[in-house]
Amino acid sequence: MDLDLVLLDAGNTVIFLDHEAVADIVTSHGHVVDARVIARVEGIAKRRYEALLVSGLSHEDGWGAYLRTLLEEAGLETDTARSMIAPLRRAHDAFNLWRRVPDDLPSALDRLRSNDIRVAIVSNSEGRLPDVLSRVGLGDAFELIVDSHHEGVRKPDPEIFRRALTRLDVPASRSVYLGDIPGIDIVGAHAAGMKAVLVDALDFYPDHASSPRVASVGAFVDGFVLGPRRMRVC
């Protein structure tokens, strides 16, 4: 695969939702929810979030809908789930709830860079990604971070991808984007002329067919970039 640049989403591609942290916050407010159940039903919340963002819902409102759906599907009553959004938001503002780093990620990033493949981030986020990444040990891992909060444009708009490519001076044909939501990440990257790969760590999108699908960034590096039989990316 001829490749100069890997662009990555942040949430659920580089840093994942900490299900234990969510469960602990809910429990501290007197409700019962199991972190394992939260993990199991997260795919339902992701699909609803995807549909809402595609329809034009703001990132902030989508964030609340994601967590509310997650808690409802995990067994909380609707009113109880709604009441937990504010404390979860406070915890998120103190330390992003998407903060769990896959074990194979750091070595995968190292292998890309050691093979002269540049690595950067394009994310719909809240303007604090450098701090979050630093706190989880990835402060120096990315050449560039393009955050929708600062750009005034968000995925799936191809403009946010084009800005990253322009700043890094890499053509779309020599780059690939990895993200976790088909209607936001894959659609947007393809619209910008890039190849794209879906990161589906918990097998939420078994029916996905518009791009390759991998379990992690590490699996992408092994299968598509540095593996003995490199797979084709579209």
C-alpha atoms as a PDB file:
ATOM      1  CA  MET A   1       0.000   0.000   0.000  1.00  0.00           C
ATOM      2  CA  ASP A   2       1.512   3.340  -1.083  1.00  0.00           C
ATOM      3  CA  LEU A   3       0.926   5.509   1.946  1.00  0.00           C
ATOM      4  CA  ASP A   4       2.423   8.689   3.385  1.00  0.00           C
ATOM      5  CA  LEU A   5      -0.166   9.630   5.999  1.00  0.00           C
ATOM      6  CA  VAL A   6      -2.592   7.963   8.407  1.00  0.00           C
ATOM      7  CA  LEU A   7      -5.283  10.259   9.749  1.00  0.00           C
ATOM      8  CA  LEU A   8      -7.146   9.000  12.799  1.00  0.00           C
ATOM      9  CA  ASP A   9     -10.367   9.819  14.560  1.00  0.00           C
ATOM     10  CA  ALA A  10      -9.955  10.267  18.310  1.00  0.00           C
ATOM     11  CA  GLY A  11     -12.959   8.818  20.174  1.00  0.00           C
ATOM     12  CA  ASN A  12     -13.334   5.042  19.826  1.00  0.00           C
ATOM     13  CA  THR A  13     -10.357   4.866  17.476  1.00  0.00           C
ATOM     14  CA  VAL A  14      -7.452   6.182  19.578  1.00  0.00           C
ATOM     15  CA  ILE A  15      -9.154   6.737  22.943  1.00  0.00           C
ATOM     16  CA  PHE A  16     -12.166   4.675  23.975  1.00  0.00           C
ATOM     17  CA  LEU A  17     -15.056   5.218  26.360  1.00  0.00           C
ATOM     18  CA  ASP A  18     -14.156   4.133  29.886  1.00  0.00           C
ATOM     19  CA  HIS A  19     -17.181   1.992  30.736  1.00  0.00           C
ATOM     20  CA  GLU A  20     -15.993   1.475  34.315  1.00  0.00           C
ATOM     21  CA  ALA A  21     -15.755   5.227  34.863  1.00  0.00           C
ATOM     22  CA  VAL A  22     -19.285   5.757  33.559  1.00  0.00           C
ATOM     23  CA  ALA A  23     -20.630   2.975  35.778  1.00  0.00           C
ATOM     24  CA  ASP A  24     -18.809   4.365  38.834  1.00  0.00           C
ATOM     25  CA  ILE A  25     -20.283   7.840  38.326  1.00  0.00           C
ATOM     26  CA  VAL A  26     -23.798   6.463  37.947  1.00  0.00           C
ATOM     27  CA  THR A  27     -23.355   4.233  40.997  1.00  0.00           C
ATOM     28  CA  SER A  28     -22.098   7.173  43.069  1.00  0.00           C
ATOM     29  CA  HIS A  29     -25.463   8.845  42.420  1.00  0.00           C
ATOM     30  CA  GLY A  30     -27.391   5.893  43.824  1.00  0.00           C
ATOM     31  CA  HIS A  31     -28.227   3.954  40.675  1.00  0.00           C
ATOM     32  CA  VAL A  32     -27.192   0.491  39.591  1.00  0.00           C
ATOM     33  CA  VAL A  33     -25.583  -0.134  36.207  1.00  0.00           C
ATOM     34  CA  ASP A  34     -23.039  -2.720  35.072  1.00  0.00           C
ATOM     35  CA  ALA A  35     -19.980  -1.598  33.095  1.00  0.00           C
ATOM     36  CA  ARG A  36     -20.103  -4.845  31.109  1.00  0.00           C
ATOM     37  CA  VAL A  37     -23.654  -4.098  30.024  1.00  0.00           C
ATOM     38  CA  ILE A  38     -22.655  -0.550  29.063  1.00  0.00           C
ATOM     39  CA  ALA A  39     -19.952  -2.002  26.838  1.00  0.00           C
ATOM     40  CA  ARG A  40     -22.365  -4.475  25.294  1.00  0.00           C
ATOM     41  CA  VAL A  41     -25.012  -1.883  24.358  1.00  0.00           C
ATOM     42  CA  GLU A  42     -22.693   0.898  23.237  1.00  0.00           C
ATOM     43  CA  GLY A  43     -23.258  -0.044  19.610  1.00  0.00           C
ATOM     44  CA  ILE A  44     -26.921   0.934  19.913  1.00  0.00           C
ATOM     45  CA  ALA A  45     -25.916   4.353  21.239  1.00  0.00           C
ATOM     46  CA  LYS A  46     -23.371   4.765  18.442  1.00  0.00           C
ATOM     47  CA  ARG A  47     -25.911   4.062  15.730  1.00  0.00           C
ATOM     48  CA  ARG A  48     -28.355   6.563  17.202  1.00  0.00           C
ATOM     49  CA  TYR A  49     -25.570   9.151  17.564  1.00  0.00           C
ATOM     50  CA  GLU A  50     -24.594   8.599  13.945  1.00  0.00           C
ATOM     51  CA  ALA A  51     -28.161   9.148  12.737  1.00  0.00           C
ATOM     52  CA  LEU A  52     -28.555  12.306  14.821  1.00  0.00           C
ATOM     53  CA  LEU A  53     -25.297  13.852  13.604  1.00  0.00           C
ATOM     54  CA  VAL A  54     -26.075  13.046   9.988  1.00  0.00           C
ATOM     55  CA  SER A  55     -29.439  14.794  10.467  1.00  0.00           C
ATOM     56  CA  GLY A  56     -27.646  17.932  11.700  1.00  0.00           C
ATOM     57  CA  LEU A  57     -27.686  17.656  15.504  1.00  0.00           C
ATOM     58  CA  SER A  58     -24.883  19.563  17.257  1.00  0.00           C
ATOM     59  CA  HIS A  59     -21.897  17.753  18.742  1.00  0.00           C
ATOM     60  CA  GLU A  60     -22.939  18.748  22.277  1.00  0.00           C
ATOM     61  CA  ASP A  61     -26.534  17.571  21.890  1.00  0.00           C
ATOM     62  CA  GLY A  62     -25.289  14.411  20.220  1.00  0.00           C
ATOM     63  CA  TRP A  63     -22.961  13.775  23.165  1.00  0.00           C
ATOM     64  CA  GLY A  64     -25.885  13.926  25.581  1.00  0.00           C
ATOM     65  CA  ALA A  65     -28.040  11.704  23.387  1.00  0.00           C
ATOM     66  CA  TYR A  66     -25.215   9.150  23.165  1.00  0.00           C
ATOM     67  CA  LEU A  67     -24.844   8.873  26.929  1.00  0.00           C
ATOM     68  CA  ARG A  68     -28.589   8.924  27.567  1.00  0.00           C
ATOM     69  CA  THR A  69     -29.187   6.136  25.069  1.00  0.00           C
ATOM     70  CA  LEU A  70     -26.288   4.182  26.549  1.00  0.00           C
ATOM     71  CA  LEU A  71     -27.748   4.337  30.059  1.00  0.00           C
ATOM     72  CA  GLU A  72     -31.293   3.575  28.951  1.00  0.00           C
ATOM     73  CA  GLU A  73     -30.113   0.525  27.032  1.00  0.00           C
ATOM     74  CA  ALA A  74     -28.094  -0.514  30.101  1.00  0.00           C
ATOM     75  CA  GLY A  75     -31.296  -0.601  32.171  1.00  0.00           C
ATOM     76  CA  LEU A  76     -31.929   2.843  33.641  1.00  0.00           C
ATOM     77  CA  GLU A  77     -35.323   4.512  33.405  1.00  0.00           C
ATOM     78  CA  THR A  78     -35.478   7.410  30.941  1.00  0.00           C
ATOM     79  CA  ASP A  79     -35.777  10.101  33.632  1.00  0.00           C
ATOM     80  CA  THR A  80     -32.916   8.595  35.605  1.00  0.00           C
ATOM     81  CA  ALA A  81     -30.741   8.419  32.512  1.00  0.00           C
ATOM     82  CA  ARG A  82     -31.496  12.068  31.737  1.00  0.00           C
ATOM     83  CA  SER A  83     -30.596  13.072  35.292  1.00  0.00           C
ATOM     84  CA  MET A  84     -27.139  11.528  34.870  1.00  0.00           C
ATOM     85  CA  ILE A  85     -26.122  13.604  31.852  1.00  0.00           C
ATOM     86  CA  ALA A  86     -25.060  16.644  33.919  1.00  0.00           C
ATOM     87  CA  PRO A  87     -22.799  14.721  36.354  1.00  0.00           C
ATOM     88  CA  LEU A  88     -21.332  12.731  33.482  1.00  0.00           C
ATOM     89  CA  ARG A  89     -20.659  15.973  31.632  1.00  0.00           C
ATOM     90  CA  ARG A  90     -18.883  17.425  34.666  1.00  0.00           C
ATOM     91  CA  ALA A  91     -16.718  14.315  34.898  1.00  0.00           C
ATOM     92  CA  HIS A  92     -16.049  14.479  31.169  1.00  0.00           C
ATOM     93  CA  ASP A  93     -14.972  18.108  31.428  1.00  0.00           C
ATOM     94  CA  ALA A  94     -12.612  17.232  34.285  1.00  0.00           C
ATOM     95  CA  PHE A  95     -11.095  14.272  32.387  1.00  0.00           C
ATOM     96  CA  ASN A  96     -12.556  13.112  29.088  1.00  0.00           C
ATOM     97  CA  LEU A  97     -14.592   9.923  29.559  1.00  0.00           C
ATOM     98  CA  TRP A  98     -13.081   8.697  26.282  1.00  0.00           C
ATOM     99  CA  ARG A  99      -9.682   7.976  27.824  1.00  0.00           C
ATOM    100  CA  ARG A 100      -8.965   4.254  27.540  1.00  0.00           C
ATOM    101  CA  VAL A 101      -6.047   3.508  25.209  1.00  0.00           C
ATOM    102  CA  PRO A 102      -5.905   0.088  23.482  1.00  0.00           C
ATOM    103  CA  ASP A 103      -2.864  -1.953  24.432  1.00  0.00           C
ATOM    104  CA  ASP A 104      -1.682  -2.266  20.831  1.00  0.00           C
ATOM    105  CA  LEU A 105      -2.021   1.405  19.900  1.00  0.00           C
ATOM    106  CA  PRO A 106       1.332   2.897  21.028  1.00  0.00           C
ATOM    107  CA  SER A 107       3.376   0.221  19.282  1.00  0.00           C
ATOM    108  CA  ALA A 108       1.243   0.542  16.132  1.00  0.00           C
ATOM    109  CA  LEU A 109       1.900   4.288  16.017  1.00  0.00           C
ATOM    110  CA  ASP A 110       5.610   3.683  16.574  1.00  0.00           C
ATOM    111  CA  ARG A 111       5.705   1.219  13.685  1.00  0.00           C
ATOM    112  CA  LEU A 112       4.004   3.672  11.333  1.00  0.00           C
ATOM    113  CA  ARG A 113       6.437   6.461  12.174  1.00  0.00           C
ATOM    114  CA  SER A 114       9.454   4.164  11.946  1.00  0.00           C
ATOM    115  CA  ASN A 115       8.358   3.383   8.382  1.00  0.00           C
ATOM    116  CA  ASP A 116       8.154   7.108   7.524  1.00  0.00           C
ATOM    117  CA  ILE A 117       4.354   7.164   7.629  1.00  0.00           C
ATOM    118  CA  ARG A 118       3.074  10.314   9.263  1.00  0.00           C
ATOM    119  CA  VAL A 119       0.247  10.188  11.824  1.00  0.00           C
ATOM    120  CA  ALA A 120      -2.291  12.894  12.689  1.00  0.00           C
ATOM    121  CA  ILE A 121      -5.813  13.294  14.067  1.00  0.00           C
ATOM    122  CA  VAL A 122      -9.035  14.699  12.609  1.00  0.00           C
ATOM    123  CA  SER A 123     -11.814  14.673  15.197  1.00  0.00           C
ATOM    124  CA  ASN A 124     -15.201  16.097  16.048  1.00  0.00           C
ATOM    125  CA  SER A 125     -14.283  17.143  19.554  1.00  0.00           C
ATOM    126  CA  GLU A 126     -14.405  19.896  22.159  1.00  0.00           C
ATOM    127  CA  GLY A 127     -11.108  21.727  21.823  1.00  0.00           C
ATOM    128  CA  ARG A 128      -9.152  19.922  24.524  1.00  0.00           C
ATOM    129  CA  LEU A 129      -7.658  16.959  22.704  1.00  0.00           C
ATOM    130  CA  PRO A 130      -3.977  17.874  23.268  1.00  0.00           C
ATOM    131  CA  ASP A 131      -4.534  17.850  27.035  1.00  0.00           C
ATOM    132  CA  VAL A 132      -6.502  14.591  26.963  1.00  0.00           C
ATOM    133  CA  LEU A 133      -3.918  12.844  24.806  1.00  0.00           C
ATOM    134  CA  SER A 134      -1.115  14.082  27.025  1.00  0.00           C
ATOM    135  CA  ARG A 135      -2.867  12.705  30.123  1.00  0.00           C
ATOM    136  CA  VAL A 136      -3.183   9.246  28.575  1.00  0.00           C
ATOM    137  CA  GLY A 137       0.455   9.127  27.429  1.00  0.00           C
ATOM    138  CA  LEU A 138      -0.030  10.123  23.780  1.00  0.00           C
ATOM    139  CA  GLY A 139       1.028  13.738  24.006  1.00  0.00           C
ATOM    140  CA  ASP A 140       3.785  13.461  21.397  1.00  0.00           C
ATOM    141  CA  ALA A 141       2.189  10.797  19.231  1.00  0.00           C
ATOM    142  CA  PHE A 142       0.599  12.968  16.526  1.00  0.00           C
ATOM    143  CA  GLU A 143       2.062  15.484  14.135  1.00  0.00           C
ATOM    144  CA  LEU A 144      -1.154  17.480  13.878  1.00  0.00           C
ATOM    145  CA  ILE A 145      -4.544  17.593  15.608  1.00  0.00           C
ATOM    146  CA  VAL A 146      -7.449  19.043  13.625  1.00  0.00           C
ATOM    147  CA  ASP A 147     -10.375  19.544  16.013  1.00  0.00           C
ATOM    148  CA  SER A 148     -13.844  20.568  14.811  1.00  0.00           C
ATOM    149  CA  HIS A 149     -14.230  22.830  17.854  1.00  0.00           C
ATOM    150  CA  HIS A 150     -11.481  25.094  16.532  1.00  0.00           C
ATOM    151  CA  GLU A 151     -12.167  24.621  12.828  1.00  0.00           C
ATOM    152  CA  GLY A 152     -15.828  25.575  12.764  1.00  0.00           C
ATOM    153  CA  VAL A 153     -16.507  22.601  10.507  1.00  0.00           C
ATOM    154  CA  ARG A 154     -17.032  18.977  11.430  1.00  0.00           C
ATOM    155  CA  LYS A 155     -17.164  15.537   9.912  1.00  0.00           C
ATOM    156  CA  PRO A 156     -18.689  14.302   7.642  1.00  0.00           C
ATOM    157  CA  ASP A 157     -17.991  17.599   5.852  1.00  0.00           C
ATOM    158  CA  PRO A 158     -14.962  16.788   3.648  1.00  0.00           C
ATOM    159  CA  GLU A 159     -13.543  20.256   4.318  1.00  0.00           C
ATOM    160  CA  ILE A 160     -12.165  19.232   7.705  1.00  0.00           C
ATOM    161  CA  PHE A 161     -10.225  16.383   6.076  1.00  0.00           C
ATOM    162  CA  ARG A 162      -8.975  18.679   3.318  1.00  0.00           C
ATOM    163  CA  ARG A 163      -7.642  21.146   5.886  1.00  0.00           C
ATOM    164  CA  ALA A 164      -5.561  18.417   7.503  1.00  0.00           C
ATOM    165  CA  LEU A 165      -4.218  17.271   4.139  1.00  0.00           C
ATOM    166  CA  THR A 166      -3.359  20.847   3.144  1.00  0.00           C
ATOM    167  CA  ARG A 167      -1.534  21.597   6.383  1.00  0.00           C
ATOM    168  CA  LEU A 168       0.465  18.402   6.103  1.00  0.00           C
ATOM    169  CA  ASP A 169       0.983  18.850   2.350  1.00  0.00           C
ATOM    170  CA  VAL A 170      -0.091  15.296   1.547  1.00  0.00           C
ATOM    171  CA  PRO A 171      -2.424  14.402  -1.333  1.00  0.00           C
ATOM    172  CA  ALA A 172      -5.606  12.521  -0.530  1.00  0.00           C
ATOM    173  CA  SER A 173      -4.430   9.666  -2.748  1.00  0.00           C
ATOM    174  CA  ARG A 174      -1.456   9.053  -0.429  1.00  0.00           C
ATOM    175  CA  SER A 175      -3.463   9.027   2.798  1.00  0.00           C
ATOM    176  CA  VAL A 176      -6.034   6.951   4.654  1.00  0.00           C
ATOM    177  CA  TYR A 177      -8.519   7.813   7.398  1.00  0.00           C
ATOM    178  CA  LEU A 178      -9.459   5.491  10.256  1.00  0.00           C
ATOM    179  CA  GLY A 179     -12.637   6.176  12.225  1.00  0.00           C
ATOM    180  CA  ASP A 180     -15.400   4.340  14.030  1.00  0.00           C
ATOM    181  CA  ILE A 181     -18.688   5.679  12.577  1.00  0.00           C
ATOM    182  CA  PRO A 182     -19.552   4.827   8.969  1.00  0.00           C
ATOM    183  CA  GLY A 183     -21.893   7.739   8.240  1.00  0.00           C
ATOM    184  CA  ILE A 184     -19.507  10.299   9.722  1.00  0.00           C
ATOM    185  CA  ASP A 185     -15.967   9.004   9.265  1.00  0.00           C
ATOM    186  CA  ILE A 186     -16.074   6.778   6.208  1.00  0.00           C
ATOM    187  CA  VAL A 187     -18.519   8.956   4.260  1.00  0.00           C
ATOM    188  CA  GLY A 188     -16.557  12.126   5.053  1.00  0.00           C
ATOM    189  CA  ALA A 189     -13.164  10.676   4.184  1.00  0.00           C
ATOM    190  CA  HIS A 190     -14.409   9.246   0.907  1.00  0.00           C
ATOM    191  CA  ALA A 191     -15.963  12.613   0.027  1.00  0.00           C
ATOM    192  CA  ALA A 192     -12.527  14.177   0.543  1.00  0.00           C
ATOM    193  CA  GLY A 193     -10.997  11.688  -1.890  1.00  0.00           C
ATOM    194  CA  MET A 194      -9.311   9.600   0.790  1.00  0.00           C
ATOM    195  CA  LYS A 195      -9.208   5.887   1.392  1.00  0.00           C
ATOM    196  CA  ALA A 196     -10.943   4.903   4.622  1.00  0.00           C
ATOM    197  CA  VAL A 197     -11.060   2.045   7.125  1.00  0.00           C
ATOM    198  CA  LEU A 198     -13.700   1.463   9.816  1.00  0.00           C
ATOM    199  CA  VAL A 199     -12.368   0.747  13.315  1.00  0.00           C
ATOM    200  CA  ASP A 200     -15.000  -1.525  14.859  1.00  0.00           C
ATOM    201  CA  ALA A 201     -13.402  -2.727  18.078  1.00  0.00           C
ATOM    202  CA  LEU A 202     -16.529  -4.306  19.557  1.00  0.00           C
ATOM    203  CA  ASP A 203     -18.078  -5.578  16.313  1.00  0.00           C
ATOM    204  CA  PHE A 204     -20.915  -3.047  16.253  1.00  0.00           C
ATOM    205  CA  TYR A 205     -21.068  -2.872  12.432  1.00  0.00           C
ATOM    206  CA  PRO A 206     -20.928  -6.445  11.083  1.00  0.00           C
ATOM    207  CA  ASP A 207     -22.964  -5.332   8.056  1.00  0.00           C
ATOM    208  CA  HIS A 208     -20.539  -2.565   7.037  1.00  0.00           C
ATOM    209  CA  ALA A 209     -19.491  -2.920   3.399  1.00  0.00           C
ATOM    210  CA  SER A 210     -18.332   0.464   2.057  1.00  0.00           C
ATOM    211  CA  SER A 211     -14.764   0.114   3.359  1.00  0.00           C
ATOM    212  CA  PRO A 212     -12.527  -2.430   5.087  1.00  0.00           C
ATOM    213  CA  ARG A 213     -13.285  -3.019   8.778  1.00  0.00           C
ATOM    214  CA  VAL A 214     -10.670  -3.726  11.473  1.00  0.00           C
ATOM    215  CA  ALA A 215     -10.709  -4.296  15.211  1.00  0.00           C
ATOM    216  CA  SER A 216      -8.034  -1.706  16.000  1.00  0.00           C
ATOM    217  CA  VAL A 217      -5.390   0.627  14.629  1.00  0.00           C
ATOM    218  CA  GLY A 218      -2.898  -2.107  15.406  1.00  0.00           C
ATOM    219  CA  ALA A 219      -4.832  -4.579  13.281  1.00  0.00           C
ATOM    220  CA  PHE A 220      -4.819  -2.060  10.433  1.00  0.00           C
ATOM    221  CA  VAL A 221      -1.045  -1.662  10.641  1.00  0.00           C
ATOM    222  CA  ASP A 222      -0.567  -5.437  10.679  1.00  0.00           C
ATOM    223  CA  GLY A 223      -2.992  -6.193   7.870  1.00  0.00           C
ATOM    224  CA  PHE A 224      -2.825  -3.235   5.515  1.00  0.00           C
ATOM    225  CA  VAL A 225       0.487  -1.454   6.017  1.00  0.00           C
ATOM    226  CA  LEU A 226       3.269  -3.651   7.335  1.00  0.00           C
ATOM    227  CA  GLY A 227       1.902  -7.176   7.071  1.00  0.00           C
ATOM    228  CA  PRO A 228       3.515  -9.761   4.757  1.00  0.00           C
ATOM    229  CA  ARG A 229       0.354  -9.840   2.610  1.00  0.00           C
ATOM    230  CA  ARG A 230      -0.907  -6.296   2.607  1.00  0.00           C
ATOM    231  CA  MET A 231      -4.638  -6.003   2.122  1.00  0.00           C
ATOM    232  CA  ARG A 232      -6.315  -3.519  -0.187  1.00  0.00           C
ATOM    233  CA  VAL A 233      -7.869  -0.329   1.217  1.00  0.00           C
ATOM    234  CA  CYS A 234     -10.733   1.427  -0.501  1.00  0.00           C
END
